[in-house]
Amino acid sequence: MQNEDPRSTIVAMCHNFYTQGWVSGTGGGMSVRHGDRVYMMPSGVEKEKIRPEDIFVLDLEGKVLEPPTNPDLKLTECASLFFSAYRMRAAGAVMHSHSANLVLATMLAERRDGFLSELEFTEFEMIKGLEGHRLYDVFRLPVIDNAAHEYDLTEQLQEAIRRYPHTCAVAVRNHGVYVWGPTASKTKTHAECIHYLCELMLRMRELGIREHRREA
């Protein structure tokens, strides 16, 4: 995936996420950084129909260098959030999804620090798919409050990134999640692991299974 044209990578990732039900109804987005250029999806496009020629190309300051061939397409409102991960975490790719299981999980997050909530996971095998985490580590997924417009989430997301230096994602209550990684492939892995963990949490609650942790 690393050697693919970034436009093709975004198209493939969007098709993958669509089949999993993460980006229904034109929701969600994807962006890939390649050198000093950032490739980013337009707004309001059905993800299973996205084409390479629909992708915006920007510089690292967010200026559009190459617009899509369709002049009616507009840059996603997620742009400022994607750039936050690029600038603050040196991300190589960022994705945004609206998975139903993940949205339900955000409703379970307990408020702990001002506007921030969090979901906590440990001793699940899939945690090992999250960069920098091992089986017995605790992965904390920060959850911020939703806003009327995507770009209005930028300040909250940046604060969550500062307060949670080991996270590779920030969830938005009743909305979805932003996930990043050093490459598009690793971002995909992170997204799959986080969605899995959130679904597992919901299933455990449904079945009345209590989380068991080893004694320190």
N, C-alpha and C. Protein backbone atom coordinates (compact mmCIF):
# COMPACT_ATOMS: atom_id res chain seq x y z
N MET A 1 0.82 -1.21 0.00
CA MET A 1 0.00 0.00 0.00
C MET A 1 0.85 1.26 0.00
N GLN A 2 2.07 1.17 0.65
CA GLN A 2 2.93 2.35 0.74
C GLN A 2 3.41 2.82 -0.62
N ASN A 3 3.54 1.89 -1.61
CA ASN A 3 4.07 2.25 -2.91
C ASN A 3 2.98 2.66 -3.90
N GLU A 4 1.72 2.59 -3.49
CA GLU A 4 0.64 2.99 -4.36
C GLU A 4 0.57 4.51 -4.50
N ASP A 5 -0.06 4.94 -5.60
CA ASP A 5 -0.39 6.36 -5.71
C ASP A 5 -1.36 6.70 -4.58
N PRO A 6 -1.14 7.81 -3.86
CA PRO A 6 -2.02 8.15 -2.72
C PRO A 6 -3.50 8.20 -3.09
N ARG A 7 -3.79 8.63 -4.31
CA ARG A 7 -5.20 8.68 -4.73
C ARG A 7 -5.80 7.27 -4.76
N SER A 8 -5.04 6.33 -5.28
CA SER A 8 -5.52 4.95 -5.34
C SER A 8 -5.65 4.35 -3.95
N THR A 9 -4.73 4.72 -3.07
CA THR A 9 -4.79 4.24 -1.69
C THR A 9 -6.07 4.71 -1.02
N ILE A 10 -6.40 5.98 -1.19
CA ILE A 10 -7.61 6.54 -0.58
C ILE A 10 -8.85 5.84 -1.13
N VAL A 11 -8.90 5.64 -2.43
CA VAL A 11 -10.05 4.97 -3.04
C VAL A 11 -10.21 3.56 -2.48
N ALA A 12 -9.11 2.81 -2.40
CA ALA A 12 -9.15 1.44 -1.89
C ALA A 12 -9.59 1.41 -0.42
N MET A 13 -9.06 2.33 0.37
CA MET A 13 -9.41 2.38 1.79
C MET A 13 -10.88 2.72 1.98
N CYS A 14 -11.38 3.66 1.20
CA CYS A 14 -12.79 4.06 1.31
C CYS A 14 -13.72 2.91 0.94
N HIS A 15 -13.38 2.18 -0.10
CA HIS A 15 -14.18 1.03 -0.49
C HIS A 15 -14.17 -0.01 0.63
N ASN A 16 -13.00 -0.23 1.23
CA ASN A 16 -12.87 -1.18 2.33
C ASN A 16 -13.75 -0.76 3.52
N PHE A 17 -13.65 0.50 3.91
CA PHE A 17 -14.41 0.98 5.06
C PHE A 17 -15.92 0.96 4.78
N TYR A 18 -16.29 1.22 3.53
CA TYR A 18 -17.72 1.20 3.18
C TYR A 18 -18.30 -0.20 3.37
N THR A 19 -17.57 -1.22 2.92
CA THR A 19 -18.07 -2.59 3.04
C THR A 19 -18.24 -3.00 4.50
N GLN A 20 -17.51 -2.34 5.41
CA GLN A 20 -17.62 -2.66 6.82
C GLN A 20 -18.68 -1.81 7.54
N GLY A 21 -19.33 -0.92 6.79
CA GLY A 21 -20.37 -0.10 7.37
C GLY A 21 -19.87 1.07 8.20
N TRP A 22 -18.64 1.49 7.94
CA TRP A 22 -18.06 2.58 8.73
C TRP A 22 -18.28 3.96 8.12
N VAL A 23 -18.60 4.02 6.82
CA VAL A 23 -18.69 5.33 6.14
C VAL A 23 -19.96 5.40 5.29
N SER A 24 -21.07 5.04 5.87
CA SER A 24 -22.34 5.05 5.14
C SER A 24 -22.84 6.48 4.93
N GLY A 25 -23.71 6.65 3.93
CA GLY A 25 -24.39 7.93 3.74
C GLY A 25 -23.49 9.12 3.52
N THR A 26 -22.42 8.97 2.80
CA THR A 26 -21.40 10.00 2.50
C THR A 26 -20.59 10.40 3.73
N GLY A 27 -20.82 9.75 4.87
CA GLY A 27 -20.08 10.10 6.09
C GLY A 27 -18.65 9.62 6.05
N GLY A 28 -17.83 10.17 6.93
CA GLY A 28 -16.45 9.76 7.06
C GLY A 28 -15.54 10.40 6.03
N GLY A 29 -14.24 10.04 6.11
CA GLY A 29 -13.27 10.63 5.19
C GLY A 29 -11.92 9.95 5.33
N MET A 30 -11.02 10.31 4.41
CA MET A 30 -9.69 9.70 4.37
C MET A 30 -8.71 10.69 3.79
N SER A 31 -7.49 10.68 4.34
CA SER A 31 -6.44 11.57 3.86
C SER A 31 -5.10 10.85 4.00
N VAL A 32 -4.20 11.10 3.05
CA VAL A 32 -2.88 10.49 3.06
C VAL A 32 -1.82 11.55 2.79
N ARG A 33 -0.77 11.52 3.57
CA ARG A 33 0.35 12.44 3.33
C ARG A 33 1.44 11.71 2.55
N HIS A 34 1.95 12.38 1.52
CA HIS A 34 3.01 11.81 0.69
C HIS A 34 4.05 12.90 0.47
N GLY A 35 5.15 12.82 1.20
CA GLY A 35 6.15 13.87 1.12
C GLY A 35 5.60 15.18 1.62
N ASP A 36 5.71 16.22 0.78
CA ASP A 36 5.22 17.54 1.18
C ASP A 36 3.83 17.82 0.62
N ARG A 37 3.11 16.75 0.25
CA ARG A 37 1.75 16.91 -0.26
C ARG A 37 0.77 16.08 0.57
N VAL A 38 -0.44 16.59 0.68
CA VAL A 38 -1.49 15.89 1.41
C VAL A 38 -2.65 15.65 0.44
N TYR A 39 -3.05 14.41 0.35
CA TYR A 39 -4.16 14.01 -0.53
C TYR A 39 -5.40 13.81 0.33
N MET A 40 -6.50 14.44 -0.06
CA MET A 40 -7.66 14.48 0.82
C MET A 40 -8.96 14.35 0.03
N MET A 41 -9.91 13.68 0.65
CA MET A 41 -11.21 13.46 0.01
C MET A 41 -12.05 14.72 -0.04
N PRO A 42 -12.99 14.77 -0.96
CA PRO A 42 -13.95 15.88 -0.98
C PRO A 42 -15.07 15.61 0.02
N SER A 43 -15.94 16.57 0.18
CA SER A 43 -17.08 16.45 1.08
C SER A 43 -18.30 15.91 0.35
N GLY A 44 -19.12 15.13 1.07
CA GLY A 44 -20.41 14.72 0.54
C GLY A 44 -20.39 13.77 -0.62
N VAL A 45 -19.35 12.92 -0.71
CA VAL A 45 -19.25 11.95 -1.79
C VAL A 45 -19.47 10.55 -1.23
N GLU A 46 -20.27 9.74 -1.93
CA GLU A 46 -20.48 8.35 -1.51
C GLU A 46 -19.17 7.59 -1.61
N LYS A 47 -18.76 7.01 -0.50
CA LYS A 47 -17.42 6.44 -0.43
C LYS A 47 -17.21 5.25 -1.36
N GLU A 48 -18.27 4.48 -1.66
CA GLU A 48 -18.11 3.35 -2.57
C GLU A 48 -17.99 3.81 -4.02
N LYS A 49 -18.24 5.10 -4.27
CA LYS A 49 -18.17 5.62 -5.63
C LYS A 49 -17.01 6.58 -5.84
N ILE A 50 -16.19 6.76 -4.83
CA ILE A 50 -15.07 7.70 -4.93
C ILE A 50 -14.09 7.26 -6.02
N ARG A 51 -13.53 8.23 -6.76
CA ARG A 51 -12.59 7.96 -7.84
C ARG A 51 -11.29 8.73 -7.59
N PRO A 52 -10.17 8.27 -8.13
CA PRO A 52 -8.90 8.99 -7.93
C PRO A 52 -8.98 10.46 -8.36
N GLU A 53 -9.73 10.74 -9.42
CA GLU A 53 -9.81 12.13 -9.90
C GLU A 53 -10.66 13.03 -9.02
N ASP A 54 -11.28 12.45 -7.98
CA ASP A 54 -12.08 13.24 -7.03
C ASP A 54 -11.25 13.79 -5.87
N ILE A 55 -9.98 13.43 -5.81
CA ILE A 55 -9.14 13.75 -4.65
C ILE A 55 -8.49 15.13 -4.78
N PHE A 56 -8.50 15.87 -3.67
CA PHE A 56 -7.78 17.15 -3.59
C PHE A 56 -6.32 16.88 -3.24
N VAL A 57 -5.42 17.73 -3.76
CA VAL A 57 -4.01 17.70 -3.37
C VAL A 57 -3.67 19.05 -2.76
N LEU A 58 -3.13 19.03 -1.53
CA LEU A 58 -2.82 20.26 -0.79
C LEU A 58 -1.36 20.27 -0.39
N ASP A 59 -0.86 21.47 -0.05
CA ASP A 59 0.48 21.54 0.53
C ASP A 59 0.35 21.40 2.05
N LEU A 60 1.46 21.44 2.75
CA LEU A 60 1.43 21.20 4.19
C LEU A 60 0.80 22.35 4.97
N GLU A 61 0.56 23.46 4.31
CA GLU A 61 -0.12 24.59 4.96
C GLU A 61 -1.63 24.55 4.70
N GLY A 62 -2.08 23.60 3.90
CA GLY A 62 -3.50 23.47 3.63
C GLY A 62 -3.97 24.17 2.37
N LYS A 63 -3.05 24.69 1.57
CA LYS A 63 -3.42 25.34 0.32
C LYS A 63 -3.66 24.30 -0.76
N VAL A 64 -4.74 24.44 -1.52
CA VAL A 64 -5.07 23.49 -2.58
C VAL A 64 -4.12 23.69 -3.77
N LEU A 65 -3.39 22.64 -4.11
CA LEU A 65 -2.48 22.67 -5.25
C LEU A 65 -3.12 22.11 -6.50
N GLU A 66 -3.91 21.05 -6.32
CA GLU A 66 -4.60 20.41 -7.44
C GLU A 66 -6.02 20.08 -7.02
N PRO A 67 -7.01 20.74 -7.59
CA PRO A 67 -8.40 20.41 -7.26
C PRO A 67 -8.85 19.18 -8.04
N PRO A 68 -9.98 18.58 -7.67
CA PRO A 68 -10.52 17.46 -8.44
C PRO A 68 -10.92 17.92 -9.84
N THR A 69 -11.12 16.96 -10.73
CA THR A 69 -11.56 17.31 -12.08
C THR A 69 -12.98 17.85 -12.09
N ASN A 70 -13.78 17.45 -11.11
CA ASN A 70 -15.15 17.94 -10.98
C ASN A 70 -15.14 19.25 -10.18
N PRO A 71 -15.43 20.39 -10.79
CA PRO A 71 -15.34 21.68 -10.09
C PRO A 71 -16.41 21.87 -9.01
N ASP A 72 -17.40 21.02 -8.98
CA ASP A 72 -18.47 21.13 -7.98
C ASP A 72 -18.09 20.51 -6.64
N LEU A 73 -17.01 19.74 -6.62
CA LEU A 73 -16.61 19.09 -5.37
C LEU A 73 -15.96 20.09 -4.43
N LYS A 74 -16.24 19.94 -3.14
CA LYS A 74 -15.68 20.82 -2.11
C LYS A 74 -14.80 20.02 -1.16
N LEU A 75 -13.79 20.68 -0.63
CA LEU A 75 -12.90 20.02 0.33
C LEU A 75 -13.67 19.66 1.60
N THR A 76 -13.36 18.51 2.16
CA THR A 76 -14.03 18.04 3.36
C THR A 76 -13.88 19.01 4.54
N GLU A 77 -14.91 19.09 5.36
CA GLU A 77 -14.85 19.90 6.58
C GLU A 77 -13.89 19.30 7.60
N CYS A 78 -13.44 18.07 7.36
CA CYS A 78 -12.50 17.41 8.27
C CYS A 78 -11.07 17.91 8.09
N ALA A 79 -10.82 18.75 7.11
CA ALA A 79 -9.45 19.12 6.76
C ALA A 79 -8.64 19.61 7.95
N SER A 80 -9.20 20.50 8.77
CA SER A 80 -8.44 21.05 9.90
C SER A 80 -8.15 19.98 10.94
N LEU A 81 -9.00 18.98 11.05
CA LEU A 81 -8.76 17.89 12.00
C LEU A 81 -7.70 16.94 11.48
N PHE A 82 -7.74 16.65 10.18
CA PHE A 82 -6.70 15.84 9.58
C PHE A 82 -5.33 16.51 9.75
N PHE A 83 -5.28 17.80 9.46
CA PHE A 83 -4.00 18.52 9.57
C PHE A 83 -3.51 18.57 11.02
N SER A 84 -4.41 18.54 11.98
CA SER A 84 -3.99 18.51 13.39
C SER A 84 -3.17 17.26 13.67
N ALA A 85 -3.61 16.11 13.14
CA ALA A 85 -2.85 14.87 13.34
C ALA A 85 -1.54 14.89 12.57
N TYR A 86 -1.54 15.49 11.37
CA TYR A 86 -0.30 15.58 10.61
C TYR A 86 0.73 16.44 11.34
N ARG A 87 0.30 17.54 11.89
CA ARG A 87 1.23 18.49 12.50
C ARG A 87 1.63 18.08 13.92
N MET A 88 0.70 17.53 14.68
CA MET A 88 0.97 17.24 16.09
C MET A 88 1.51 15.82 16.30
N ARG A 89 1.24 14.92 15.36
CA ARG A 89 1.67 13.52 15.53
C ARG A 89 2.48 13.00 14.35
N ALA A 90 2.82 13.86 13.42
CA ALA A 90 3.58 13.45 12.24
C ALA A 90 2.93 12.25 11.56
N ALA A 91 1.61 12.26 11.49
CA ALA A 91 0.87 11.15 10.89
C ALA A 91 1.17 11.04 9.40
N GLY A 92 1.05 9.81 8.89
CA GLY A 92 1.20 9.58 7.46
C GLY A 92 -0.13 9.43 6.77
N ALA A 93 -1.18 9.21 7.57
CA ALA A 93 -2.54 9.09 7.04
C ALA A 93 -3.52 9.27 8.20
N VAL A 94 -4.72 9.73 7.88
CA VAL A 94 -5.76 9.94 8.88
C VAL A 94 -7.09 9.50 8.27
N MET A 95 -7.89 8.76 9.03
CA MET A 95 -9.21 8.39 8.56
C MET A 95 -10.27 8.82 9.57
N HIS A 96 -11.49 9.00 9.08
CA HIS A 96 -12.62 9.37 9.94
C HIS A 96 -13.79 8.48 9.58
N SER A 97 -14.41 7.87 10.60
CA SER A 97 -15.53 6.97 10.33
C SER A 97 -16.70 7.25 11.27
N HIS A 98 -17.86 6.72 10.89
CA HIS A 98 -19.10 6.88 11.65
C HIS A 98 -19.68 5.52 12.03
N SER A 99 -18.84 4.59 12.37
CA SER A 99 -19.30 3.25 12.74
C SER A 99 -20.34 3.28 13.84
N ALA A 100 -21.44 2.53 13.65
CA ALA A 100 -22.51 2.50 14.65
C ALA A 100 -22.01 1.95 15.99
N ASN A 101 -21.21 0.89 15.95
CA ASN A 101 -20.71 0.32 17.20
C ASN A 101 -19.82 1.30 17.95
N LEU A 102 -18.99 2.02 17.20
CA LEU A 102 -18.12 2.98 17.86
C LEU A 102 -18.92 4.14 18.45
N VAL A 103 -19.93 4.62 17.72
CA VAL A 103 -20.77 5.70 18.23
C VAL A 103 -21.48 5.26 19.50
N LEU A 104 -22.00 4.04 19.52
CA LEU A 104 -22.64 3.52 20.73
C LEU A 104 -21.65 3.47 21.88
N ALA A 105 -20.42 3.07 21.60
CA ALA A 105 -19.40 2.99 22.65
C ALA A 105 -19.11 4.37 23.25
N THR A 106 -19.13 5.41 22.41
CA THR A 106 -18.85 6.74 22.95
C THR A 106 -19.89 7.17 23.98
N MET A 107 -21.10 6.62 23.87
CA MET A 107 -22.15 6.96 24.82
C MET A 107 -21.89 6.36 26.19
N LEU A 108 -20.99 5.37 26.26
CA LEU A 108 -20.66 4.73 27.53
C LEU A 108 -19.49 5.42 28.23
N ALA A 109 -18.82 6.33 27.53
CA ALA A 109 -17.64 6.98 28.10
C ALA A 109 -18.03 7.91 29.25
N GLU A 110 -17.34 7.77 30.35
CA GLU A 110 -17.61 8.60 31.53
C GLU A 110 -16.72 9.83 31.52
N ARG A 111 -17.31 10.97 31.80
CA ARG A 111 -16.57 12.22 31.82
C ARG A 111 -15.59 12.23 32.99
N ARG A 112 -14.33 12.56 32.72
CA ARG A 112 -13.31 12.52 33.76
C ARG A 112 -12.52 13.82 33.90
N ASP A 113 -12.45 14.58 32.82
CA ASP A 113 -11.54 15.73 32.85
C ASP A 113 -12.12 16.86 32.00
N GLY A 114 -12.92 17.71 32.61
CA GLY A 114 -13.49 18.83 31.87
C GLY A 114 -14.37 18.35 30.75
N PHE A 115 -14.05 18.77 29.51
CA PHE A 115 -14.86 18.39 28.35
C PHE A 115 -14.53 16.99 27.87
N LEU A 116 -13.47 16.38 28.41
CA LEU A 116 -13.01 15.09 27.91
C LEU A 116 -13.61 13.91 28.66
N SER A 117 -13.90 12.85 27.92
CA SER A 117 -14.26 11.56 28.48
C SER A 117 -13.24 10.58 27.93
N GLU A 118 -13.33 9.32 28.34
CA GLU A 118 -12.45 8.33 27.75
C GLU A 118 -13.04 6.93 27.85
N LEU A 119 -12.60 6.08 26.93
CA LEU A 119 -12.88 4.65 26.98
C LEU A 119 -11.55 3.96 27.25
N GLU A 120 -11.58 2.94 28.08
CA GLU A 120 -10.35 2.28 28.52
C GLU A 120 -10.38 0.80 28.17
N PHE A 121 -9.30 0.30 27.60
CA PHE A 121 -9.21 -1.10 27.20
C PHE A 121 -7.88 -1.67 27.67
N THR A 122 -7.90 -2.91 28.13
CA THR A 122 -6.66 -3.58 28.49
C THR A 122 -6.87 -5.09 28.45
N GLU A 123 -5.78 -5.82 28.25
CA GLU A 123 -5.76 -7.28 28.26
C GLU A 123 -6.61 -7.92 27.16
N PHE A 124 -6.80 -7.19 26.06
CA PHE A 124 -7.41 -7.77 24.86
C PHE A 124 -6.31 -7.91 23.81
N GLU A 125 -6.28 -9.03 23.12
CA GLU A 125 -5.20 -9.31 22.18
C GLU A 125 -5.05 -8.22 21.11
N MET A 126 -6.18 -7.65 20.67
CA MET A 126 -6.13 -6.67 19.59
C MET A 126 -5.46 -5.35 19.99
N ILE A 127 -5.26 -5.14 21.28
CA ILE A 127 -4.53 -3.95 21.71
C ILE A 127 -3.12 -3.96 21.12
N LYS A 128 -2.57 -5.14 20.90
CA LYS A 128 -1.21 -5.25 20.37
C LYS A 128 -1.10 -4.73 18.95
N GLY A 129 -2.25 -4.52 18.28
CA GLY A 129 -2.23 -3.93 16.95
C GLY A 129 -2.12 -2.42 16.96
N LEU A 130 -2.20 -1.82 18.15
CA LEU A 130 -2.09 -0.37 18.30
C LEU A 130 -0.64 -0.02 18.62
N GLU A 131 -0.04 0.79 17.82
CA GLU A 131 1.38 1.09 17.95
C GLU A 131 1.72 1.55 19.36
N GLY A 132 2.77 0.93 19.94
CA GLY A 132 3.23 1.31 21.27
C GLY A 132 2.49 0.65 22.41
N HIS A 133 1.58 -0.28 22.11
CA HIS A 133 0.80 -0.94 23.16
C HIS A 133 1.04 -2.45 23.15
N ARG A 134 1.14 -3.01 24.36
CA ARG A 134 1.27 -4.44 24.54
C ARG A 134 0.04 -4.96 25.28
N LEU A 135 -0.06 -6.27 25.43
CA LEU A 135 -1.26 -6.90 25.96
C LEU A 135 -1.72 -6.31 27.29
N TYR A 136 -0.80 -6.10 28.20
CA TYR A 136 -1.18 -5.65 29.54
C TYR A 136 -1.15 -4.13 29.70
N ASP A 137 -0.87 -3.43 28.63
CA ASP A 137 -0.96 -1.96 28.67
C ASP A 137 -2.42 -1.55 28.65
N VAL A 138 -2.68 -0.31 29.03
CA VAL A 138 -4.03 0.24 28.98
C VAL A 138 -4.09 1.23 27.81
N PHE A 139 -5.01 0.96 26.89
CA PHE A 139 -5.24 1.90 25.79
C PHE A 139 -6.41 2.80 26.18
N ARG A 140 -6.17 4.08 26.24
CA ARG A 140 -7.20 5.06 26.58
C ARG A 140 -7.58 5.85 25.33
N LEU A 141 -8.84 5.74 24.97
CA LEU A 141 -9.36 6.44 23.80
C LEU A 141 -10.12 7.67 24.28
N PRO A 142 -9.59 8.87 24.05
CA PRO A 142 -10.30 10.07 24.48
C PRO A 142 -11.57 10.29 23.68
N VAL A 143 -12.58 10.81 24.33
CA VAL A 143 -13.87 11.09 23.69
C VAL A 143 -14.22 12.55 23.93
N ILE A 144 -14.36 13.31 22.85
CA ILE A 144 -14.71 14.73 22.96
C ILE A 144 -16.18 14.91 22.60
N ASP A 145 -16.73 16.06 22.94
CA ASP A 145 -18.12 16.34 22.66
C ASP A 145 -18.31 16.73 21.20
N ASN A 146 -19.47 16.41 20.65
CA ASN A 146 -19.78 16.72 19.27
C ASN A 146 -20.06 18.21 19.08
N ALA A 147 -20.07 18.65 17.83
CA ALA A 147 -20.36 20.04 17.49
C ALA A 147 -21.18 20.07 16.21
N ALA A 148 -21.81 21.20 15.95
CA ALA A 148 -22.70 21.31 14.78
C ALA A 148 -21.94 21.17 13.47
N HIS A 149 -20.68 21.63 13.44
CA HIS A 149 -19.86 21.56 12.23
C HIS A 149 -18.56 20.83 12.55
N GLU A 150 -18.08 20.06 11.57
CA GLU A 150 -16.88 19.26 11.77
C GLU A 150 -15.69 20.12 12.20
N TYR A 151 -15.49 21.25 11.52
CA TYR A 151 -14.32 22.08 11.82
C TYR A 151 -14.36 22.67 13.22
N ASP A 152 -15.57 22.73 13.84
CA ASP A 152 -15.68 23.24 15.20
C ASP A 152 -15.10 22.28 16.23
N LEU A 153 -14.75 21.07 15.80
CA LEU A 153 -14.16 20.08 16.70
C LEU A 153 -12.64 20.23 16.81
N THR A 154 -12.05 21.07 16.00
CA THR A 154 -10.59 21.14 15.89
C THR A 154 -9.91 21.42 17.22
N GLU A 155 -10.37 22.43 17.94
CA GLU A 155 -9.71 22.80 19.19
C GLU A 155 -9.80 21.67 20.22
N GLN A 156 -10.97 21.04 20.32
CA GLN A 156 -11.12 19.93 21.25
C GLN A 156 -10.22 18.77 20.88
N LEU A 157 -10.15 18.44 19.59
CA LEU A 157 -9.31 17.33 19.16
C LEU A 157 -7.84 17.60 19.46
N GLN A 158 -7.40 18.83 19.22
CA GLN A 158 -6.01 19.16 19.51
C GLN A 158 -5.71 19.07 21.00
N GLU A 159 -6.65 19.48 21.83
CA GLU A 159 -6.44 19.37 23.27
C GLU A 159 -6.38 17.91 23.70
N ALA A 160 -7.23 17.06 23.10
CA ALA A 160 -7.19 15.63 23.41
C ALA A 160 -5.86 15.02 23.01
N ILE A 161 -5.33 15.41 21.84
CA ILE A 161 -4.04 14.91 21.39
C ILE A 161 -2.94 15.31 22.39
N ARG A 162 -3.01 16.54 22.89
CA ARG A 162 -2.01 16.99 23.87
C ARG A 162 -2.11 16.21 25.17
N ARG A 163 -3.32 15.95 25.63
CA ARG A 163 -3.50 15.30 26.93
C ARG A 163 -3.31 13.79 26.88
N TYR A 164 -3.43 13.21 25.69
CA TYR A 164 -3.27 11.76 25.54
C TYR A 164 -2.14 11.48 24.55
N PRO A 165 -0.90 11.62 24.99
CA PRO A 165 0.24 11.49 24.07
C PRO A 165 0.42 10.11 23.46
N HIS A 166 -0.22 9.08 24.03
CA HIS A 166 -0.03 7.72 23.52
C HIS A 166 -1.20 7.23 22.67
N THR A 167 -2.19 8.08 22.45
CA THR A 167 -3.32 7.63 21.64
C THR A 167 -3.05 7.80 20.15
N CYS A 168 -3.69 6.96 19.35
CA CYS A 168 -3.62 7.08 17.89
C CYS A 168 -5.00 7.41 17.34
N ALA A 169 -5.89 7.89 18.24
CA ALA A 169 -7.26 8.18 17.81
C ALA A 169 -7.94 9.09 18.82
N VAL A 170 -8.93 9.82 18.34
CA VAL A 170 -9.82 10.61 19.20
C VAL A 170 -11.24 10.34 18.72
N ALA A 171 -12.10 9.92 19.64
CA ALA A 171 -13.50 9.67 19.31
C ALA A 171 -14.34 10.91 19.61
N VAL A 172 -15.48 11.01 18.95
CA VAL A 172 -16.40 12.13 19.14
C VAL A 172 -17.75 11.55 19.54
N ARG A 173 -18.24 11.98 20.69
CA ARG A 173 -19.48 11.42 21.22
C ARG A 173 -20.63 11.59 20.22
N ASN A 174 -21.39 10.52 20.04
CA ASN A 174 -22.56 10.52 19.14
C ASN A 174 -22.20 10.82 17.68
N HIS A 175 -20.96 10.63 17.32
CA HIS A 175 -20.50 11.05 15.98
C HIS A 175 -19.62 9.99 15.31
N GLY A 176 -18.42 9.75 15.83
CA GLY A 176 -17.50 8.82 15.17
C GLY A 176 -16.11 8.90 15.77
N VAL A 177 -15.10 8.68 14.93
CA VAL A 177 -13.73 8.65 15.42
C VAL A 177 -12.77 9.12 14.34
N TYR A 178 -11.66 9.73 14.78
CA TYR A 178 -10.52 10.08 13.93
C TYR A 178 -9.36 9.18 14.33
N VAL A 179 -8.77 8.50 13.35
CA VAL A 179 -7.69 7.55 13.62
C VAL A 179 -6.52 7.88 12.70
N TRP A 180 -5.29 7.78 13.21
CA TRP A 180 -4.13 8.06 12.38
C TRP A 180 -3.02 7.04 12.66
N GLY A 181 -2.00 7.09 11.80
CA GLY A 181 -0.84 6.25 11.96
C GLY A 181 0.29 6.76 11.09
N PRO A 182 1.48 6.16 11.19
CA PRO A 182 2.63 6.64 10.41
C PRO A 182 2.50 6.37 8.92
N THR A 183 1.66 5.40 8.56
CA THR A 183 1.42 5.07 7.15
C THR A 183 -0.07 4.79 6.97
N ALA A 184 -0.51 4.72 5.71
CA ALA A 184 -1.90 4.38 5.45
C ALA A 184 -2.21 2.96 5.93
N SER A 185 -1.27 2.04 5.73
CA SER A 185 -1.48 0.66 6.16
C SER A 185 -1.62 0.57 7.67
N LYS A 186 -0.77 1.28 8.41
CA LYS A 186 -0.85 1.25 9.87
C LYS A 186 -2.11 1.95 10.35
N THR A 187 -2.54 2.99 9.67
CA THR A 187 -3.79 3.66 10.02
C THR A 187 -4.96 2.70 9.88
N LYS A 188 -4.95 1.92 8.81
CA LYS A 188 -5.99 0.90 8.60
C LYS A 188 -5.99 -0.10 9.75
N THR A 189 -4.81 -0.56 10.15
CA THR A 189 -4.70 -1.50 11.26
C THR A 189 -5.24 -0.89 12.55
N HIS A 190 -4.85 0.34 12.84
CA HIS A 190 -5.34 1.02 14.04
C HIS A 190 -6.86 1.11 14.03
N ALA A 191 -7.41 1.51 12.88
CA ALA A 191 -8.87 1.66 12.78
C ALA A 191 -9.57 0.33 13.02
N GLU A 192 -9.05 -0.74 12.43
CA GLU A 192 -9.67 -2.06 12.61
C GLU A 192 -9.62 -2.50 14.06
N CYS A 193 -8.49 -2.28 14.72
CA CYS A 193 -8.36 -2.68 16.12
C CYS A 193 -9.29 -1.89 17.03
N ILE A 194 -9.39 -0.59 16.80
CA ILE A 194 -10.23 0.25 17.65
C ILE A 194 -11.71 -0.08 17.45
N HIS A 195 -12.13 -0.26 16.21
CA HIS A 195 -13.51 -0.65 15.96
C HIS A 195 -13.82 -2.00 16.60
N TYR A 196 -12.87 -2.93 16.52
CA TYR A 196 -13.04 -4.24 17.13
C TYR A 196 -13.20 -4.11 18.65
N LEU A 197 -12.35 -3.33 19.28
CA LEU A 197 -12.40 -3.17 20.73
C LEU A 197 -13.71 -2.55 21.18
N CYS A 198 -14.20 -1.57 20.43
CA CYS A 198 -15.47 -0.94 20.79
C CYS A 198 -16.64 -1.91 20.64
N GLU A 199 -16.62 -2.70 19.56
CA GLU A 199 -17.68 -3.70 19.38
C GLU A 199 -17.62 -4.75 20.49
N LEU A 200 -16.41 -5.15 20.87
CA LEU A 200 -16.24 -6.13 21.93
C LEU A 200 -16.79 -5.60 23.26
N MET A 201 -16.52 -4.33 23.54
CA MET A 201 -17.04 -3.72 24.76
C MET A 201 -18.57 -3.77 24.78
N LEU A 202 -19.19 -3.45 23.67
CA LEU A 202 -20.65 -3.47 23.61
C LEU A 202 -21.19 -4.89 23.80
N ARG A 203 -20.56 -5.87 23.16
CA ARG A 203 -21.02 -7.25 23.29
C ARG A 203 -20.87 -7.74 24.72
N MET A 204 -19.80 -7.36 25.39
CA MET A 204 -19.60 -7.75 26.79
C MET A 204 -20.71 -7.18 27.67
N ARG A 205 -21.07 -5.92 27.42
CA ARG A 205 -22.14 -5.29 28.18
C ARG A 205 -23.47 -6.02 27.95
N GLU A 206 -23.73 -6.37 26.69
CA GLU A 206 -24.98 -7.05 26.35
C GLU A 206 -25.08 -8.41 27.04
N LEU A 207 -23.95 -9.12 27.12
CA LEU A 207 -23.93 -10.46 27.69
C LEU A 207 -23.70 -10.47 29.20
N GLY A 208 -23.51 -9.29 29.76
CA GLY A 208 -23.29 -9.21 31.21
C GLY A 208 -21.94 -9.72 31.64
N ILE A 209 -20.97 -9.69 30.73
CA ILE A 209 -19.61 -10.16 31.05
C ILE A 209 -18.83 -9.00 31.67
N ARG A 210 -18.28 -9.24 32.82
CA ARG A 210 -17.49 -8.21 33.49
C ARG A 210 -16.03 -8.38 33.10
N GLU A 211 -15.37 -7.26 32.94
CA GLU A 211 -13.95 -7.30 32.57
C GLU A 211 -13.12 -7.80 33.74
N HIS A 212 -12.22 -8.75 33.46
CA HIS A 212 -11.33 -9.30 34.48
C HIS A 212 -9.90 -8.89 34.14
N ARG A 213 -9.20 -8.38 35.11
CA ARG A 213 -7.80 -8.01 34.90
C ARG A 213 -6.91 -8.79 35.86
N ARG A 214 -5.72 -9.06 35.42
CA ARG A 214 -4.78 -9.76 36.28
C ARG A 214 -4.42 -8.88 37.47
N GLU A 215 -4.09 -9.50 38.56
CA GLU A 215 -3.68 -8.75 39.76
C GLU A 215 -2.29 -8.22 39.58
N ALA A 216 -2.09 -6.99 40.05
CA ALA A 216 -0.76 -6.38 39.90
C ALA A 216 0.27 -7.12 40.77
